[in-house]
Structure formats: C-alpha cells, structure tokens
C-alpha cells in the first residue's frame, strides 16, 4: 500500500549510545515543519502497558530469564502495534519509533544467544506480521558507544550494563539483519556528525513519502 495512503512507519535501531533518540527527534522536527502529523513512540514503553513492561525488562533488580525477557518484549510489541502503530498508520500519519523487533533479534537472539529465527518469528506473530517501511540502523562500535554512555553520567539499565562481548554480539546481529533486508534498512555510520546523519535520513524518508523506490 502506498505510503501516502497508510502513512509511513520509520524505526530507529542500533546499540545503546548510537544516537537513536537524537535522530528520531531531528526527523520528527523536520516532518512537523513540513506539515506532517507525527506519532513518536518507542519500545518498550510506548503505551501504558509498555511502561510497566519497560520497568521490568530494563530496571528490574535481579535476574530475568532470557526467554522470559524475550516474551515480555513480544507482549509489549503485540499491544503497541495493535493499539498505537496500526491506528496511526491507518490515519495516514508518520510513526517514528525507537526500537522494534530487530532489537529483540539482536539483543535477545544474538546478545542472549537464543535462536534468532525463533525470536523474530515470535515478534512477527505478536505483531501480526507488521514490519516498518524503513529501518534506520545507526551503527557504532561498542567501545565508542560505551564512551558516550559514560559521558552522560546516568545509571545504566540492565542491557546497557552488559559486558563488551554482549554488545559486540548485538552489533553483529544488527548488521546481519540489515544485510538480509537491504531494501528495508538504511545503515549509517553513527560516528558521523548528527547533521550529516539527519540529512541522510531525511533523503530516504522523503523518497519513501514520494512513493519512490528506496
């Protein structure tokens, strides 16, 4: 279905510290200035149910079994897509989302060393097969990402606090996903200046809104 008829769904992916929030905000500002209606959201935490799940998966003190973690993310995704994303797209709005199922495949699949195909299939079942029109992957090596997080001087959540080998697996997982679906992904070097990254994102989004081939 054409983007103009059903809106446009853009997700931002990448490791912690890659700059997803910054780029999502810049894209939102640009689209609003162009007169577009934008829904800005995130996973987990884009709904009231999601806020509760986010507290468990990211801030719970104590162990959460890897499969339980994956199921919690899938539960959030099912509710989020059904109650927020699909209705917004049906209204012709642009959804800008921080993380989606690719994060589950990278973090719970590669990071937690679960079966990546099973994690993806679980998420697709939960979301009734929904996939974004465009996924922007901000790629950054884990050492640089950790330096950015350290500079923020904020407490780490459960995933941010994982060891460097975990984050290396996550990065490799994201890059494998992008290689498998090049038409959906836009992979950018997150070490580039924010303005340069934003321009690349805008160009790809403008093409999608015009109904052009990516």
N, C-alpha and C. Protein backbone atom coordinates (compact mmCIF):
# COMPACT_ATOMS: atom_id res chain seq x y z
N UNK A 1 0.85 -1.18 0.00
CA UNK A 1 0.00 0.00 0.00
C UNK A 1 0.89 1.24 0.00
N UNK A 2 0.56 2.23 -0.75
CA UNK A 2 1.40 3.42 -0.86
C UNK A 2 1.51 4.15 0.46
N UNK A 3 2.69 4.80 0.68
CA UNK A 3 2.92 5.49 1.94
C UNK A 3 1.88 6.58 2.18
N UNK A 4 1.49 7.28 1.10
CA UNK A 4 0.54 8.38 1.27
C UNK A 4 -0.82 7.89 1.74
N UNK A 5 -1.17 6.63 1.41
CA UNK A 5 -2.48 6.10 1.75
C UNK A 5 -2.54 5.59 3.19
N UNK A 6 -1.41 5.09 3.70
CA UNK A 6 -1.44 4.46 5.01
C UNK A 6 -0.42 5.04 5.97
N UNK A 7 0.11 6.19 5.64
CA UNK A 7 1.13 6.75 6.50
C UNK A 7 2.47 6.10 6.22
N UNK A 8 3.43 6.38 7.10
CA UNK A 8 4.78 5.83 6.94
C UNK A 8 5.29 5.45 8.32
N UNK A 9 5.97 4.30 8.38
CA UNK A 9 6.47 3.78 9.66
C UNK A 9 7.98 3.69 9.57
N UNK A 10 8.66 4.48 10.40
CA UNK A 10 10.12 4.52 10.42
C UNK A 10 10.60 4.10 11.81
N UNK A 11 11.48 3.10 11.85
CA UNK A 11 12.06 2.69 13.13
C UNK A 11 13.55 3.01 13.15
N UNK A 12 14.05 3.28 14.34
CA UNK A 12 15.48 3.53 14.55
C UNK A 12 16.04 2.40 15.40
N UNK A 13 17.14 1.82 14.92
CA UNK A 13 17.77 0.72 15.62
C UNK A 13 19.26 1.00 15.81
N UNK A 14 19.88 0.22 16.68
CA UNK A 14 21.30 0.36 16.95
C UNK A 14 21.59 0.09 18.41
N UNK A 15 22.85 -0.02 18.73
CA UNK A 15 23.24 -0.26 20.11
C UNK A 15 22.97 0.94 20.99
N UNK A 16 23.01 0.72 22.30
CA UNK A 16 22.83 1.82 23.24
C UNK A 16 23.95 2.83 23.04
N UNK A 17 23.58 4.11 22.97
CA UNK A 17 24.56 5.16 22.77
C UNK A 17 24.80 5.54 21.33
N UNK A 18 24.09 4.91 20.39
CA UNK A 18 24.32 5.17 18.97
C UNK A 18 23.69 6.47 18.49
N UNK A 19 22.76 7.04 19.25
CA UNK A 19 22.15 8.31 18.86
C UNK A 19 20.76 8.21 18.28
N UNK A 20 20.06 7.13 18.58
CA UNK A 20 18.72 6.93 18.04
C UNK A 20 17.75 8.04 18.46
N UNK A 21 17.77 8.40 19.73
CA UNK A 21 16.84 9.42 20.22
C UNK A 21 17.09 10.76 19.55
N UNK A 22 18.34 11.13 19.37
CA UNK A 22 18.68 12.39 18.70
C UNK A 22 18.16 12.41 17.27
N UNK A 23 18.42 11.34 16.53
CA UNK A 23 17.99 11.31 15.13
C UNK A 23 16.48 11.22 14.99
N UNK A 24 15.82 10.51 15.88
CA UNK A 24 14.36 10.45 15.84
C UNK A 24 13.76 11.83 16.08
N UNK A 25 14.34 12.58 17.01
CA UNK A 25 13.84 13.93 17.31
C UNK A 25 14.06 14.87 16.12
N UNK A 26 15.23 14.78 15.48
CA UNK A 26 15.51 15.63 14.32
C UNK A 26 14.56 15.32 13.17
N UNK A 27 14.28 14.03 12.95
CA UNK A 27 13.34 13.66 11.89
C UNK A 27 11.94 14.14 12.22
N UNK A 28 11.53 14.00 13.46
CA UNK A 28 10.21 14.48 13.87
C UNK A 28 10.07 15.97 13.62
N UNK A 29 11.06 16.76 13.99
CA UNK A 29 11.01 18.21 13.79
C UNK A 29 10.88 18.55 12.31
N UNK A 30 11.65 17.88 11.48
CA UNK A 30 11.62 18.15 10.04
C UNK A 30 10.26 17.81 9.44
N UNK A 31 9.69 16.70 9.84
CA UNK A 31 8.39 16.29 9.30
C UNK A 31 7.28 17.23 9.76
N UNK A 32 7.33 17.64 11.01
CA UNK A 32 6.30 18.57 11.52
C UNK A 32 6.40 19.92 10.81
N UNK A 33 7.61 20.36 10.54
CA UNK A 33 7.78 21.62 9.80
C UNK A 33 7.21 21.51 8.39
N UNK A 34 7.20 20.29 7.86
CA UNK A 34 6.66 20.04 6.52
C UNK A 34 5.15 19.83 6.56
N UNK A 35 4.55 19.94 7.75
CA UNK A 35 3.11 19.81 7.88
C UNK A 35 2.60 18.40 8.10
N UNK A 36 3.50 17.45 8.35
CA UNK A 36 3.09 16.08 8.59
C UNK A 36 2.63 15.87 10.02
N UNK A 37 1.69 14.98 10.21
CA UNK A 37 1.30 14.55 11.55
C UNK A 37 2.18 13.39 11.95
N UNK A 38 2.86 13.53 13.09
CA UNK A 38 3.85 12.55 13.51
C UNK A 38 3.46 11.95 14.85
N UNK A 39 3.60 10.64 14.94
CA UNK A 39 3.46 9.92 16.21
C UNK A 39 4.84 9.42 16.60
N UNK A 40 5.36 9.90 17.70
CA UNK A 40 6.68 9.49 18.18
C UNK A 40 6.50 8.49 19.31
N UNK A 41 7.16 7.34 19.20
CA UNK A 41 6.95 6.30 20.19
C UNK A 41 8.22 5.48 20.36
N UNK A 42 8.16 4.48 21.24
CA UNK A 42 9.32 3.65 21.50
C UNK A 42 8.87 2.29 22.01
N UNK A 43 9.80 1.34 21.91
CA UNK A 43 9.58 0.01 22.50
C UNK A 43 10.78 -0.35 23.37
N UNK A 44 10.48 -0.87 24.55
CA UNK A 44 9.16 -0.90 25.18
C UNK A 44 8.82 0.47 25.78
N UNK A 45 7.56 0.71 26.06
CA UNK A 45 7.16 1.93 26.75
C UNK A 45 6.32 2.90 25.98
N UNK A 46 5.84 2.53 24.80
CA UNK A 46 5.04 3.45 24.00
C UNK A 46 3.58 3.53 24.41
N UNK A 47 3.15 2.66 25.30
CA UNK A 47 1.78 2.65 25.80
C UNK A 47 1.84 2.50 27.33
N UNK A 48 0.67 2.60 27.97
CA UNK A 48 0.64 2.42 29.43
C UNK A 48 1.10 1.01 29.81
N UNK A 49 0.66 0.02 29.06
CA UNK A 49 1.11 -1.34 29.30
C UNK A 49 2.62 -1.44 29.08
N UNK A 50 3.09 -0.79 28.03
CA UNK A 50 4.51 -0.82 27.71
C UNK A 50 5.38 -0.21 28.78
N UNK A 51 4.88 0.83 29.44
CA UNK A 51 5.65 1.46 30.52
C UNK A 51 5.89 0.46 31.64
N UNK A 52 4.88 -0.33 31.97
CA UNK A 52 5.02 -1.34 33.02
C UNK A 52 6.02 -2.42 32.60
N UNK A 53 5.94 -2.85 31.35
CA UNK A 53 6.87 -3.87 30.86
C UNK A 53 8.29 -3.31 30.81
N UNK A 54 8.44 -2.06 30.42
CA UNK A 54 9.77 -1.44 30.35
C UNK A 54 10.44 -1.45 31.73
N UNK A 55 9.66 -1.20 32.74
CA UNK A 55 10.22 -1.19 34.09
C UNK A 55 10.78 -2.56 34.46
N UNK A 56 10.09 -3.62 34.02
CA UNK A 56 10.56 -4.97 34.33
C UNK A 56 11.82 -5.32 33.54
N UNK A 57 11.78 -5.12 32.22
CA UNK A 57 12.88 -5.62 31.39
C UNK A 57 14.15 -4.78 31.49
N UNK A 58 14.00 -3.49 31.83
CA UNK A 58 15.19 -2.64 31.86
C UNK A 58 15.64 -2.25 33.26
N UNK A 59 14.73 -2.27 34.23
CA UNK A 59 15.10 -1.74 35.54
C UNK A 59 14.84 -2.70 36.70
N UNK A 60 14.35 -3.88 36.41
CA UNK A 60 14.13 -4.86 37.47
C UNK A 60 15.46 -5.25 38.12
N UNK A 61 15.50 -5.20 39.44
CA UNK A 61 16.71 -5.59 40.16
C UNK A 61 16.69 -7.09 40.38
N UNK A 62 17.56 -7.75 39.68
CA UNK A 62 17.57 -9.20 39.75
C UNK A 62 17.51 -9.80 38.37
N UNK A 63 17.63 -11.10 38.30
CA UNK A 63 17.70 -11.79 37.02
C UNK A 63 16.33 -11.94 36.39
N UNK A 64 16.28 -11.74 35.07
CA UNK A 64 15.12 -12.09 34.26
C UNK A 64 15.61 -13.13 33.26
N UNK A 65 15.04 -14.32 33.27
CA UNK A 65 15.48 -15.38 32.37
C UNK A 65 15.39 -14.91 30.92
N UNK A 66 16.37 -15.26 30.08
CA UNK A 66 16.38 -14.77 28.70
C UNK A 66 15.09 -15.02 27.93
N UNK A 67 14.49 -16.20 28.06
CA UNK A 67 13.24 -16.46 27.34
C UNK A 67 12.09 -15.63 27.89
N UNK A 68 12.08 -15.42 29.21
CA UNK A 68 11.05 -14.56 29.80
C UNK A 68 11.21 -13.13 29.29
N UNK A 69 12.46 -12.68 29.19
CA UNK A 69 12.73 -11.35 28.66
C UNK A 69 12.20 -11.21 27.24
N UNK A 70 12.48 -12.20 26.40
CA UNK A 70 12.01 -12.17 25.01
C UNK A 70 10.48 -12.14 24.94
N UNK A 71 9.83 -12.90 25.80
CA UNK A 71 8.37 -12.94 25.81
C UNK A 71 7.78 -11.61 26.28
N UNK A 72 8.42 -10.98 27.23
CA UNK A 72 7.94 -9.67 27.71
C UNK A 72 8.03 -8.63 26.60
N UNK A 73 9.13 -8.62 25.88
CA UNK A 73 9.24 -7.70 24.75
C UNK A 73 8.18 -7.98 23.69
N UNK A 74 7.92 -9.26 23.44
CA UNK A 74 6.91 -9.61 22.44
C UNK A 74 5.51 -9.19 22.90
N UNK A 75 5.24 -9.31 24.19
CA UNK A 75 3.94 -8.89 24.72
C UNK A 75 3.75 -7.38 24.55
N UNK A 76 4.80 -6.63 24.86
CA UNK A 76 4.74 -5.18 24.66
C UNK A 76 4.48 -4.86 23.19
N UNK A 77 5.17 -5.58 22.31
CA UNK A 77 5.08 -5.33 20.86
C UNK A 77 3.67 -5.61 20.35
N UNK A 78 3.06 -6.68 20.80
CA UNK A 78 1.71 -7.02 20.36
C UNK A 78 0.73 -5.90 20.70
N UNK A 79 0.80 -5.42 21.93
CA UNK A 79 -0.11 -4.37 22.37
C UNK A 79 0.20 -3.05 21.67
N UNK A 80 1.48 -2.74 21.54
CA UNK A 80 1.91 -1.47 20.96
C UNK A 80 1.48 -1.34 19.50
N UNK A 81 1.70 -2.40 18.72
CA UNK A 81 1.33 -2.36 17.30
C UNK A 81 -0.18 -2.29 17.13
N UNK A 82 -0.90 -3.09 17.92
CA UNK A 82 -2.36 -3.14 17.77
C UNK A 82 -3.05 -1.85 18.19
N UNK A 83 -2.55 -1.21 19.26
CA UNK A 83 -3.28 -0.07 19.82
C UNK A 83 -2.72 1.29 19.42
N UNK A 84 -1.48 1.34 18.94
CA UNK A 84 -0.89 2.64 18.61
C UNK A 84 -0.40 2.72 17.17
N UNK A 85 0.42 1.76 16.75
CA UNK A 85 1.06 1.89 15.43
C UNK A 85 0.06 1.73 14.30
N UNK A 86 -0.69 0.63 14.30
CA UNK A 86 -1.63 0.41 13.18
C UNK A 86 -2.69 1.52 13.08
N UNK A 87 -3.30 1.95 14.20
CA UNK A 87 -4.26 3.04 14.08
C UNK A 87 -3.66 4.33 13.50
N UNK A 88 -2.43 4.66 13.90
CA UNK A 88 -1.78 5.87 13.38
C UNK A 88 -1.52 5.75 11.89
N UNK A 89 -1.04 4.61 11.44
CA UNK A 89 -0.80 4.41 10.01
C UNK A 89 -2.10 4.47 9.22
N UNK A 90 -3.15 3.92 9.79
CA UNK A 90 -4.46 3.95 9.12
C UNK A 90 -4.97 5.37 8.95
N UNK A 91 -4.56 6.26 9.86
CA UNK A 91 -4.96 7.67 9.76
C UNK A 91 -4.05 8.44 8.81
N UNK A 92 -3.05 7.78 8.23
CA UNK A 92 -2.15 8.44 7.30
C UNK A 92 -1.02 9.20 7.97
N UNK A 93 -0.73 8.90 9.22
CA UNK A 93 0.30 9.61 9.96
C UNK A 93 1.66 8.94 9.82
N UNK A 94 2.70 9.66 10.20
CA UNK A 94 4.06 9.11 10.18
C UNK A 94 4.40 8.65 11.60
N UNK A 95 4.75 7.39 11.73
CA UNK A 95 5.16 6.83 13.03
C UNK A 95 6.68 6.77 13.06
N UNK A 96 7.27 7.43 14.05
CA UNK A 96 8.72 7.36 14.27
C UNK A 96 8.93 6.60 15.56
N UNK A 97 9.64 5.50 15.48
CA UNK A 97 9.71 4.58 16.61
C UNK A 97 11.15 4.23 16.97
N UNK A 98 11.45 4.34 18.25
CA UNK A 98 12.74 3.94 18.79
C UNK A 98 12.67 2.46 19.16
N UNK A 99 13.27 1.60 18.35
CA UNK A 99 13.36 0.15 18.50
C UNK A 99 12.07 -0.58 18.10
N UNK A 100 12.31 -1.76 17.52
CA UNK A 100 11.20 -2.66 17.16
C UNK A 100 11.75 -4.08 17.21
N UNK A 101 11.21 -4.98 16.42
CA UNK A 101 11.57 -6.39 16.55
C UNK A 101 13.04 -6.68 16.25
N UNK A 102 13.68 -5.83 15.44
CA UNK A 102 15.09 -6.04 15.16
C UNK A 102 15.93 -5.96 16.43
N UNK A 103 15.51 -5.14 17.38
CA UNK A 103 16.21 -5.08 18.66
C UNK A 103 16.09 -6.39 19.41
N UNK A 104 14.92 -7.01 19.36
CA UNK A 104 14.76 -8.30 20.03
C UNK A 104 15.65 -9.36 19.40
N UNK A 105 15.72 -9.37 18.07
CA UNK A 105 16.58 -10.36 17.40
C UNK A 105 18.04 -10.12 17.77
N UNK A 106 18.46 -8.85 17.83
CA UNK A 106 19.85 -8.55 18.13
C UNK A 106 20.17 -8.76 19.61
N UNK A 107 19.31 -8.26 20.50
CA UNK A 107 19.62 -8.32 21.92
C UNK A 107 19.30 -9.68 22.54
N UNK A 108 18.09 -10.19 22.31
CA UNK A 108 17.74 -11.48 22.90
C UNK A 108 18.25 -12.64 22.05
N UNK A 109 18.27 -12.46 20.73
CA UNK A 109 18.79 -13.51 19.87
C UNK A 109 20.30 -13.60 19.94
N UNK A 110 20.99 -12.58 19.39
CA UNK A 110 22.45 -12.59 19.37
C UNK A 110 23.04 -12.35 20.75
N UNK A 111 22.54 -11.33 21.45
CA UNK A 111 23.11 -10.99 22.75
C UNK A 111 22.94 -12.06 23.79
N UNK A 112 21.72 -12.57 23.93
CA UNK A 112 21.43 -13.62 24.92
C UNK A 112 21.70 -15.03 24.39
N UNK A 113 22.08 -15.10 23.13
CA UNK A 113 22.40 -16.38 22.47
C UNK A 113 21.18 -17.30 22.46
N UNK A 114 20.03 -16.74 22.11
CA UNK A 114 18.85 -17.53 21.81
C UNK A 114 18.75 -17.70 20.31
N UNK A 115 17.80 -18.48 19.84
CA UNK A 115 17.64 -18.70 18.41
C UNK A 115 17.04 -17.46 17.76
N UNK A 116 17.81 -16.80 16.89
CA UNK A 116 17.37 -15.54 16.30
C UNK A 116 16.11 -15.71 15.46
N UNK A 117 16.00 -16.83 14.75
CA UNK A 117 14.82 -17.06 13.92
C UNK A 117 13.58 -17.22 14.79
N UNK A 118 13.71 -17.95 15.89
CA UNK A 118 12.57 -18.10 16.80
C UNK A 118 12.16 -16.76 17.39
N UNK A 119 13.13 -15.92 17.76
CA UNK A 119 12.81 -14.61 18.33
C UNK A 119 12.08 -13.75 17.30
N UNK A 120 12.56 -13.77 16.06
CA UNK A 120 11.91 -12.98 15.02
C UNK A 120 10.50 -13.50 14.74
N UNK A 121 10.36 -14.81 14.65
CA UNK A 121 9.04 -15.39 14.40
C UNK A 121 8.06 -15.06 15.53
N UNK A 122 8.56 -15.09 16.77
CA UNK A 122 7.72 -14.73 17.91
C UNK A 122 7.21 -13.31 17.78
N UNK A 123 8.09 -12.39 17.43
CA UNK A 123 7.70 -10.99 17.29
C UNK A 123 6.74 -10.78 16.13
N UNK A 124 7.00 -11.46 15.02
CA UNK A 124 6.10 -11.32 13.88
C UNK A 124 4.72 -11.88 14.20
N UNK A 125 4.66 -12.96 14.95
CA UNK A 125 3.36 -13.48 15.39
C UNK A 125 2.67 -12.47 16.29
N UNK A 126 3.42 -11.91 17.24
CA UNK A 126 2.83 -10.95 18.18
C UNK A 126 2.29 -9.72 17.46
N UNK A 127 2.99 -9.28 16.42
CA UNK A 127 2.61 -8.06 15.72
C UNK A 127 1.84 -8.34 14.44
N UNK A 128 1.37 -9.57 14.27
CA UNK A 128 0.61 -9.97 13.08
C UNK A 128 1.34 -9.63 11.80
N UNK A 129 2.65 -9.87 11.81
CA UNK A 129 3.45 -9.71 10.60
C UNK A 129 3.87 -8.30 10.26
N UNK A 130 3.59 -7.34 11.11
CA UNK A 130 3.87 -5.94 10.78
C UNK A 130 5.37 -5.65 10.74
N UNK A 131 5.81 -5.02 9.65
CA UNK A 131 7.20 -4.58 9.51
C UNK A 131 7.23 -3.11 9.10
N UNK A 132 8.23 -2.37 9.54
CA UNK A 132 8.32 -0.95 9.18
C UNK A 132 8.58 -0.75 7.69
N UNK A 133 8.26 0.44 7.21
CA UNK A 133 8.60 0.80 5.83
C UNK A 133 10.10 1.06 5.71
N UNK A 134 10.68 1.61 6.75
CA UNK A 134 12.10 1.95 6.76
C UNK A 134 12.66 1.74 8.15
N UNK A 135 13.81 1.09 8.23
CA UNK A 135 14.53 0.93 9.49
C UNK A 135 15.91 1.56 9.35
N UNK A 136 16.17 2.56 10.16
CA UNK A 136 17.47 3.24 10.16
C UNK A 136 18.34 2.58 11.22
N UNK A 137 19.43 1.97 10.79
CA UNK A 137 20.37 1.34 11.71
C UNK A 137 21.57 2.26 11.91
N UNK A 138 21.72 2.77 13.12
CA UNK A 138 22.86 3.61 13.46
C UNK A 138 23.94 2.70 14.03
N UNK A 139 24.97 2.48 13.24
CA UNK A 139 26.00 1.50 13.59
C UNK A 139 27.18 2.19 14.26
N UNK A 140 27.54 1.71 15.44
CA UNK A 140 28.65 2.29 16.20
C UNK A 140 29.35 1.18 16.95
N UNK A 141 30.69 1.21 16.96
CA UNK A 141 31.41 0.16 17.68
C UNK A 141 31.15 0.29 19.18
N UNK A 142 31.08 -0.84 19.88
CA UNK A 142 30.70 -0.83 21.30
C UNK A 142 31.57 0.05 22.19
N UNK A 143 32.86 0.16 21.89
CA UNK A 143 33.74 0.99 22.72
C UNK A 143 33.34 2.46 22.64
N UNK A 144 33.06 2.93 21.44
CA UNK A 144 32.63 4.33 21.27
C UNK A 144 31.26 4.56 21.91
N UNK A 145 30.38 3.57 21.78
CA UNK A 145 29.06 3.68 22.39
C UNK A 145 29.16 3.77 23.91
N UNK A 146 30.05 2.94 24.50
CA UNK A 146 30.21 2.95 25.95
C UNK A 146 30.78 4.30 26.41
N UNK A 147 31.68 4.87 25.63
CA UNK A 147 32.24 6.18 25.98
C UNK A 147 31.14 7.24 26.01
N UNK A 148 30.22 7.17 25.06
CA UNK A 148 29.11 8.12 25.05
C UNK A 148 28.21 7.94 26.28
N UNK A 149 27.93 6.69 26.61
CA UNK A 149 27.08 6.42 27.78
C UNK A 149 27.77 6.88 29.06
N UNK A 150 29.07 6.66 29.16
CA UNK A 150 29.81 7.11 30.34
C UNK A 150 29.76 8.62 30.47
N UNK A 151 29.83 9.32 29.32
CA UNK A 151 29.81 10.78 29.34
C UNK A 151 28.47 11.32 29.80
N UNK A 152 27.39 10.56 29.58
CA UNK A 152 26.06 11.00 30.01
C UNK A 152 25.92 11.00 31.53
N UNK A 153 26.76 10.20 32.20
CA UNK A 153 26.76 10.15 33.68
C UNK A 153 25.39 9.79 34.23
N UNK A 154 24.74 8.81 33.59
CA UNK A 154 23.44 8.32 34.07
C UNK A 154 23.57 6.84 34.43
N UNK A 155 22.75 6.36 35.36
CA UNK A 155 22.81 4.93 35.70
C UNK A 155 22.48 4.08 34.49
N UNK A 156 23.19 2.97 34.33
CA UNK A 156 22.93 2.07 33.21
C UNK A 156 21.72 1.20 33.51
N UNK A 157 20.92 0.90 32.46
CA UNK A 157 19.85 -0.07 32.63
C UNK A 157 20.44 -1.48 32.48
N UNK A 158 19.59 -2.50 32.56
CA UNK A 158 20.06 -3.88 32.57
C UNK A 158 20.85 -4.24 31.31
N UNK A 159 20.43 -3.73 30.15
CA UNK A 159 21.11 -4.06 28.92
C UNK A 159 22.37 -3.23 28.72
N UNK A 160 22.29 -1.95 29.04
CA UNK A 160 23.48 -1.11 28.93
C UNK A 160 24.62 -1.61 29.80
N UNK A 161 24.29 -2.24 30.92
CA UNK A 161 25.30 -2.70 31.87
C UNK A 161 25.97 -4.01 31.46
N UNK A 162 25.51 -4.63 30.37
CA UNK A 162 26.12 -5.88 29.95
C UNK A 162 27.57 -5.67 29.50
N UNK A 163 28.34 -6.77 29.47
CA UNK A 163 29.75 -6.71 29.12
C UNK A 163 29.96 -6.45 27.63
N UNK A 164 31.21 -6.12 27.27
CA UNK A 164 31.52 -5.73 25.90
C UNK A 164 31.26 -6.84 24.89
N UNK A 165 31.47 -8.12 25.28
CA UNK A 165 31.22 -9.20 24.33
C UNK A 165 29.74 -9.31 23.98
N UNK A 166 28.87 -9.02 24.94
CA UNK A 166 27.43 -8.99 24.69
C UNK A 166 27.12 -7.93 23.63
N UNK A 167 27.66 -6.73 23.81
CA UNK A 167 27.36 -5.63 22.88
C UNK A 167 27.99 -5.88 21.51
N UNK A 168 29.11 -6.59 21.47
CA UNK A 168 29.69 -6.96 20.18
C UNK A 168 28.77 -7.91 19.43
N UNK A 169 28.19 -8.85 20.14
CA UNK A 169 27.23 -9.78 19.50
C UNK A 169 25.99 -9.04 19.02
N UNK A 170 25.54 -8.08 19.81
CA UNK A 170 24.36 -7.29 19.42
C UNK A 170 24.65 -6.53 18.12
N UNK A 171 25.81 -5.90 18.06
CA UNK A 171 26.16 -5.16 16.84
C UNK A 171 26.20 -6.08 15.63
N UNK A 172 26.84 -7.23 15.78
CA UNK A 172 26.90 -8.18 14.68
C UNK A 172 25.50 -8.65 14.28
N UNK A 173 24.63 -8.82 15.26
CA UNK A 173 23.26 -9.21 14.98
C UNK A 173 22.51 -8.19 14.15
N UNK A 174 22.67 -6.92 14.52
CA UNK A 174 22.03 -5.84 13.75
C UNK A 174 22.54 -5.81 12.31
N UNK A 175 23.86 -5.91 12.13
CA UNK A 175 24.43 -5.84 10.79
C UNK A 175 23.98 -7.02 9.94
N UNK A 176 23.83 -8.18 10.55
CA UNK A 176 23.33 -9.35 9.81
C UNK A 176 21.89 -9.13 9.35
N UNK A 177 21.08 -8.54 10.21
CA UNK A 177 19.69 -8.24 9.83
C UNK A 177 19.64 -7.27 8.66
N UNK A 178 20.48 -6.23 8.71
CA UNK A 178 20.49 -5.24 7.64
C UNK A 178 20.95 -5.86 6.32
N UNK A 179 21.92 -6.76 6.40
CA UNK A 179 22.40 -7.41 5.19
C UNK A 179 21.33 -8.31 4.57
N UNK A 180 20.49 -8.88 5.42
CA UNK A 180 19.44 -9.79 4.94
C UNK A 180 18.25 -9.04 4.33
N UNK A 181 18.04 -7.77 4.74
CA UNK A 181 16.91 -6.98 4.24
C UNK A 181 17.37 -5.59 3.81
N UNK A 182 18.20 -5.50 2.76
CA UNK A 182 18.76 -4.20 2.37
C UNK A 182 17.73 -3.18 1.91
N UNK A 183 16.58 -3.64 1.41
CA UNK A 183 15.57 -2.69 0.94
C UNK A 183 14.89 -1.97 2.11
N UNK A 184 14.80 -2.65 3.25
CA UNK A 184 14.15 -2.01 4.42
C UNK A 184 15.12 -1.18 5.23
N UNK A 185 16.38 -1.56 5.27
CA UNK A 185 17.35 -0.92 6.15
C UNK A 185 18.12 0.20 5.46
N UNK A 186 18.39 1.24 6.23
CA UNK A 186 19.37 2.26 5.88
C UNK A 186 20.42 2.22 6.97
N UNK A 187 21.62 1.78 6.63
CA UNK A 187 22.70 1.64 7.61
C UNK A 187 23.60 2.87 7.54
N UNK A 188 23.78 3.52 8.68
CA UNK A 188 24.58 4.74 8.74
C UNK A 188 25.67 4.61 9.79
N UNK A 189 26.80 5.22 9.53
CA UNK A 189 27.91 5.26 10.47
C UNK A 189 27.58 6.28 11.56
N UNK A 190 27.27 5.79 12.76
CA UNK A 190 26.80 6.68 13.82
C UNK A 190 27.89 7.56 14.41
N UNK A 191 29.14 7.38 13.96
CA UNK A 191 30.21 8.27 14.41
C UNK A 191 30.23 9.58 13.62
N UNK A 192 29.45 9.67 12.54
CA UNK A 192 29.38 10.89 11.74
C UNK A 192 28.63 11.98 12.51
N UNK A 193 28.82 13.26 12.12
CA UNK A 193 28.11 14.35 12.80
C UNK A 193 26.60 14.19 12.71
N UNK A 194 25.87 14.56 13.76
CA UNK A 194 24.42 14.39 13.76
C UNK A 194 23.72 15.03 12.56
N UNK A 195 24.19 16.19 12.13
CA UNK A 195 23.56 16.86 11.00
C UNK A 195 23.71 16.08 9.71
N UNK A 196 24.85 15.45 9.52
CA UNK A 196 25.09 14.64 8.33
C UNK A 196 24.20 13.39 8.34
N UNK A 197 24.08 12.78 9.51
CA UNK A 197 23.19 11.62 9.64
C UNK A 197 21.74 12.01 9.37
N UNK A 198 21.32 13.15 9.94
CA UNK A 198 19.94 13.60 9.77
C UNK A 198 19.61 13.85 8.31
N UNK A 199 20.57 14.40 7.56
CA UNK A 199 20.34 14.67 6.14
C UNK A 199 20.14 13.37 5.37
N UNK A 200 20.91 12.35 5.70
CA UNK A 200 20.76 11.06 5.03
C UNK A 200 19.42 10.43 5.34
N UNK A 201 18.98 10.55 6.59
CA UNK A 201 17.68 10.02 6.98
C UNK A 201 16.56 10.76 6.26
N UNK A 202 16.66 12.08 6.22
CA UNK A 202 15.63 12.88 5.55
C UNK A 202 15.50 12.51 4.08
N UNK A 203 16.63 12.30 3.42
CA UNK A 203 16.60 11.96 1.99
C UNK A 203 15.87 10.65 1.77
N UNK A 204 16.14 9.67 2.61
CA UNK A 204 15.48 8.37 2.44
C UNK A 204 14.00 8.46 2.78
N UNK A 205 13.64 9.21 3.81
CA UNK A 205 12.24 9.35 4.21
C UNK A 205 11.47 10.12 3.13
N UNK A 206 12.09 11.17 2.58
CA UNK A 206 11.44 11.94 1.51
C UNK A 206 11.14 11.04 0.31
N UNK A 207 12.08 10.17 -0.02
CA UNK A 207 11.87 9.23 -1.11
C UNK A 207 10.70 8.30 -0.82
N UNK A 208 10.62 7.82 0.42
CA UNK A 208 9.53 6.92 0.79
C UNK A 208 8.18 7.64 0.75
N UNK A 209 8.14 8.87 1.22
CA UNK A 209 6.90 9.63 1.21
C UNK A 209 6.44 9.95 -0.20
N UNK A 210 7.40 10.07 -1.11
CA UNK A 210 7.06 10.34 -2.52
C UNK A 210 6.65 9.08 -3.26
N UNK A 211 6.79 7.93 -2.58
CA UNK A 211 6.45 6.67 -3.22
C UNK A 211 7.52 6.15 -4.14
N UNK A 212 8.75 6.70 -3.97
CA UNK A 212 9.84 6.27 -4.83
C UNK A 212 10.45 4.98 -4.30
N UNK A 213 11.21 4.34 -5.13
CA UNK A 213 11.95 3.16 -4.68
C UNK A 213 13.07 3.60 -3.78
N UNK A 214 13.36 2.86 -2.70
CA UNK A 214 14.45 3.23 -1.81
C UNK A 214 15.80 3.12 -2.48
